């Protein structure tokens, strides 16, 4: 693995940690991080007691030069997230009874001054 790719993965992990902490401060509880299956990955699966399950996609962009973090979640990515969430619910049938939604945490800026934007029911 190249140093550039490793640095990008480190930034992604830091963004996910920042998003998780932010959502926990908002009262959500973490159920799973980096849930993988053959369809894809969900960064965070959280429980919002008032709302049910929250599947969270975390997107980080250092700048908006090539589009915002939110712009990078196209229809293909949304479809993969939906299929992955269905797989998660099949593996956790008790949780499948709860209402669920897809949120996006968009983080933009350099590591020291990154800002979180929380989009609930993003798609």
C-alpha atoms as a PDB file:
ATOM      1  CA  UNK A   1       0.000   0.000   0.000  1.00  0.00           C
ATOM      2  CA  UNK A   2       1.314   3.409  -0.903  1.00  0.00           C
ATOM      3  CA  UNK A   3       1.919   6.111   1.670  1.00  0.00           C
ATOM      4  CA  UNK A   4      -0.675   8.311  -0.038  1.00  0.00           C
ATOM      5  CA  UNK A   5      -3.360   5.621   0.199  1.00  0.00           C
ATOM      6  CA  UNK A   6      -2.461   4.897   3.827  1.00  0.00           C
ATOM      7  CA  UNK A   7      -2.740   8.603   4.665  1.00  0.00           C
ATOM      8  CA  UNK A   8      -6.149   8.769   2.973  1.00  0.00           C
ATOM      9  CA  UNK A   9      -7.355   5.754   4.982  1.00  0.00           C
ATOM     10  CA  UNK A  10      -6.118   7.379   8.201  1.00  0.00           C
ATOM     11  CA  UNK A  11      -8.071  10.542   7.376  1.00  0.00           C
ATOM     12  CA  UNK A  12     -11.155   8.433   6.670  1.00  0.00           C
ATOM     13  CA  UNK A  13     -10.862   6.629  10.007  1.00  0.00           C
ATOM     14  CA  UNK A  14     -10.435   9.935  11.834  1.00  0.00           C
ATOM     15  CA  UNK A  15     -13.509  11.325  10.089  1.00  0.00           C
ATOM     16  CA  UNK A  16     -15.536   8.264  11.108  1.00  0.00           C
ATOM     17  CA  UNK A  17     -14.357   8.616  14.713  1.00  0.00           C
ATOM     18  CA  UNK A  18     -15.260  12.308  14.680  1.00  0.00           C
ATOM     19  CA  UNK A  19     -18.701  11.519  13.240  1.00  0.00           C
ATOM     20  CA  UNK A  20     -19.300   8.776  15.802  1.00  0.00           C
ATOM     21  CA  UNK A  21     -18.375  11.059  18.702  1.00  0.00           C
ATOM     22  CA  UNK A  22     -20.537  13.843  17.284  1.00  0.00           C
ATOM     23  CA  UNK A  23     -23.569  11.558  17.004  1.00  0.00           C
ATOM     24  CA  UNK A  24     -23.003  10.120  20.480  1.00  0.00           C
ATOM     25  CA  UNK A  25     -23.031  13.685  21.807  1.00  0.00           C
ATOM     26  CA  UNK A  26     -26.427  14.065  20.114  1.00  0.00           C
ATOM     27  CA  UNK A  27     -27.693  11.057  22.097  1.00  0.00           C
ATOM     28  CA  UNK A  28     -27.283   8.237  19.569  1.00  0.00           C
ATOM     29  CA  UNK A  29     -25.782   4.897  20.612  1.00  0.00           C
ATOM     30  CA  UNK A  30     -23.312   2.992  18.446  1.00  0.00           C
ATOM     31  CA  UNK A  31     -24.405  -0.516  17.475  1.00  0.00           C
ATOM     32  CA  UNK A  32     -21.834  -1.259  14.779  1.00  0.00           C
ATOM     33  CA  UNK A  33     -18.902   0.374  13.016  1.00  0.00           C
ATOM     34  CA  UNK A  34     -17.763  -0.512   9.507  1.00  0.00           C
ATOM     35  CA  UNK A  35     -20.391  -3.196   8.915  1.00  0.00           C
ATOM     36  CA  UNK A  36     -19.275  -5.222   5.869  1.00  0.00           C
ATOM     37  CA  UNK A  37     -21.080  -7.677   3.674  1.00  0.00           C
ATOM     38  CA  UNK A  38     -20.882  -8.651   0.017  1.00  0.00           C
ATOM     39  CA  UNK A  39     -22.954  -5.622  -0.984  1.00  0.00           C
ATOM     40  CA  UNK A  40     -20.736  -3.012   0.630  1.00  0.00           C
ATOM     41  CA  UNK A  41     -20.059  -1.242   3.896  1.00  0.00           C
ATOM     42  CA  UNK A  42     -21.990   0.971   6.265  1.00  0.00           C
ATOM     43  CA  UNK A  43     -19.749   3.266   8.280  1.00  0.00           C
ATOM     44  CA  UNK A  44     -21.949   3.470  11.381  1.00  0.00           C
ATOM     45  CA  UNK A  45     -25.120   1.781  12.554  1.00  0.00           C
ATOM     46  CA  UNK A  46     -26.590   3.683  15.469  1.00  0.00           C
ATOM     47  CA  UNK A  47     -29.673   3.669  17.637  1.00  0.00           C
ATOM     48  CA  UNK A  48     -31.666   6.823  18.117  1.00  0.00           C
ATOM     49  CA  UNK A  49     -34.105   5.970  20.903  1.00  0.00           C
ATOM     50  CA  UNK A  50     -36.692   8.392  19.601  1.00  0.00           C
ATOM     51  CA  UNK A  51     -36.323   7.422  15.928  1.00  0.00           C
ATOM     52  CA  UNK A  52     -35.093   3.814  15.771  1.00  0.00           C
ATOM     53  CA  UNK A  53     -32.104   2.693  13.686  1.00  0.00           C
ATOM     54  CA  UNK A  54     -29.826   5.074  11.855  1.00  0.00           C
ATOM     55  CA  UNK A  55     -27.528   3.913   9.073  1.00  0.00           C
ATOM     56  CA  UNK A  56     -24.808   6.526   8.698  1.00  0.00           C
ATOM     57  CA  UNK A  57     -22.559   7.231   5.741  1.00  0.00           C
ATOM     58  CA  UNK A  58     -19.565   9.393   6.653  1.00  0.00           C
ATOM     59  CA  UNK A  59     -17.995  11.468   3.892  1.00  0.00           C
ATOM     60  CA  UNK A  60     -14.848  13.546   4.260  1.00  0.00           C
ATOM     61  CA  UNK A  61     -13.513  16.107   1.831  1.00  0.00           C
ATOM     62  CA  UNK A  62     -10.574  18.360   2.520  1.00  0.00           C
ATOM     63  CA  UNK A  63     -12.041  20.952   0.154  1.00  0.00           C
ATOM     64  CA  UNK A  64     -15.059  21.413  -2.061  1.00  0.00           C
ATOM     65  CA  UNK A  65     -12.880  21.865  -5.151  1.00  0.00           C
ATOM     66  CA  UNK A  66     -14.151  18.615  -6.719  1.00  0.00           C
ATOM     67  CA  UNK A  67     -17.621  18.787  -5.161  1.00  0.00           C
ATOM     68  CA  UNK A  68     -18.875  18.541  -1.629  1.00  0.00           C
ATOM     69  CA  UNK A  69     -18.887  15.435   0.511  1.00  0.00           C
ATOM     70  CA  UNK A  70     -22.654  15.143   0.060  1.00  0.00           C
ATOM     71  CA  UNK A  71     -22.335  15.402  -3.730  1.00  0.00           C
ATOM     72  CA  UNK A  72     -20.230  12.239  -3.722  1.00  0.00           C
ATOM     73  CA  UNK A  73     -23.142  10.019  -2.636  1.00  0.00           C
ATOM     74  CA  UNK A  74     -24.627   9.127  -5.992  1.00  0.00           C
ATOM     75  CA  UNK A  75     -27.535   6.791  -6.747  1.00  0.00           C
ATOM     76  CA  UNK A  76     -25.229   3.775  -7.098  1.00  0.00           C
ATOM     77  CA  UNK A  77     -23.778   4.406  -3.620  1.00  0.00           C
ATOM     78  CA  UNK A  78     -27.272   4.838  -2.167  1.00  0.00           C
ATOM     79  CA  UNK A  79     -28.356   1.510  -3.680  1.00  0.00           C
ATOM     80  CA  UNK A  80     -25.324  -0.246  -2.193  1.00  0.00           C
ATOM     81  CA  UNK A  81     -26.075   1.263   1.220  1.00  0.00           C
ATOM     82  CA  UNK A  82     -29.702   0.128   1.048  1.00  0.00           C
ATOM     83  CA  UNK A  83     -28.693  -3.445   0.162  1.00  0.00           C
ATOM     84  CA  UNK A  84     -26.092  -3.492   2.918  1.00  0.00           C
ATOM     85  CA  UNK A  85     -28.665  -2.203   5.421  1.00  0.00           C
ATOM     86  CA  UNK A  86     -31.099  -4.938   4.361  1.00  0.00           C
ATOM     87  CA  UNK A  87     -28.364  -7.501   4.972  1.00  0.00           C
ATOM     88  CA  UNK A  88     -27.684  -6.002   8.417  1.00  0.00           C
ATOM     89  CA  UNK A  89     -31.380  -6.229   9.290  1.00  0.00           C
ATOM     90  CA  UNK A  90     -31.528  -9.868   8.148  1.00  0.00           C
ATOM     91  CA  UNK A  91     -28.618 -10.625  10.480  1.00  0.00           C
ATOM     92  CA  UNK A  92     -30.313  -8.755  13.372  1.00  0.00           C
ATOM     93  CA  UNK A  93     -34.024  -9.653  13.151  1.00  0.00           C
ATOM     94  CA  UNK A  94     -34.961  -7.976  16.452  1.00  0.00           C
ATOM     95  CA  UNK A  95     -33.661  -4.663  15.119  1.00  0.00           C
ATOM     96  CA  UNK A  96     -35.537  -5.145  11.831  1.00  0.00           C
ATOM     97  CA  UNK A  97     -38.787  -4.296  13.614  1.00  0.00           C
ATOM     98  CA  UNK A  98     -37.581  -0.756  14.323  1.00  0.00           C
ATOM     99  CA  UNK A  99     -38.076   2.144  11.936  1.00  0.00           C
ATOM    100  CA  UNK A 100     -34.849   3.109  10.179  1.00  0.00           C
ATOM    101  CA  UNK A 101     -33.355   5.959   8.198  1.00  0.00           C
ATOM    102  CA  UNK A 102     -30.187   6.869   6.300  1.00  0.00           C
ATOM    103  CA  UNK A 103     -28.180   9.831   7.530  1.00  0.00           C
ATOM    104  CA  UNK A 104     -25.040  11.413   6.150  1.00  0.00           C
ATOM    105  CA  UNK A 105     -22.313  13.077   8.150  1.00  0.00           C
ATOM    106  CA  UNK A 106     -20.397  15.323   5.766  1.00  0.00           C
ATOM    107  CA  UNK A 107     -17.067  16.548   7.079  1.00  0.00           C
ATOM    108  CA  UNK A 108     -15.208  19.199   5.174  1.00  0.00           C
ATOM    109  CA  UNK A 109     -12.033  21.110   5.934  1.00  0.00           C
ATOM    110  CA  UNK A 110      -8.572  20.274   7.175  1.00  0.00           C
ATOM    111  CA  UNK A 111      -8.133  17.952  10.133  1.00  0.00           C
ATOM    112  CA  UNK A 112      -7.836  20.751  12.696  1.00  0.00           C
ATOM    113  CA  UNK A 113     -10.821  22.801  11.523  1.00  0.00           C
ATOM    114  CA  UNK A 114     -13.156  20.234   9.980  1.00  0.00           C
ATOM    115  CA  UNK A 115     -16.856  20.949  10.252  1.00  0.00           C
ATOM    116  CA  UNK A 116     -19.574  18.296  10.585  1.00  0.00           C
ATOM    117  CA  UNK A 117     -22.829  18.642   8.738  1.00  0.00           C
ATOM    118  CA  UNK A 118     -25.530  16.161   9.783  1.00  0.00           C
ATOM    119  CA  UNK A 119     -28.139  15.366   7.161  1.00  0.00           C
ATOM    120  CA  UNK A 120     -30.934  13.294   8.647  1.00  0.00           C
ATOM    121  CA  UNK A 121     -33.074  11.214   6.277  1.00  0.00           C
ATOM    122  CA  UNK A 122     -30.595  12.087   3.530  1.00  0.00           C
ATOM    123  CA  UNK A 123     -32.122   9.597   1.063  1.00  0.00           C
END
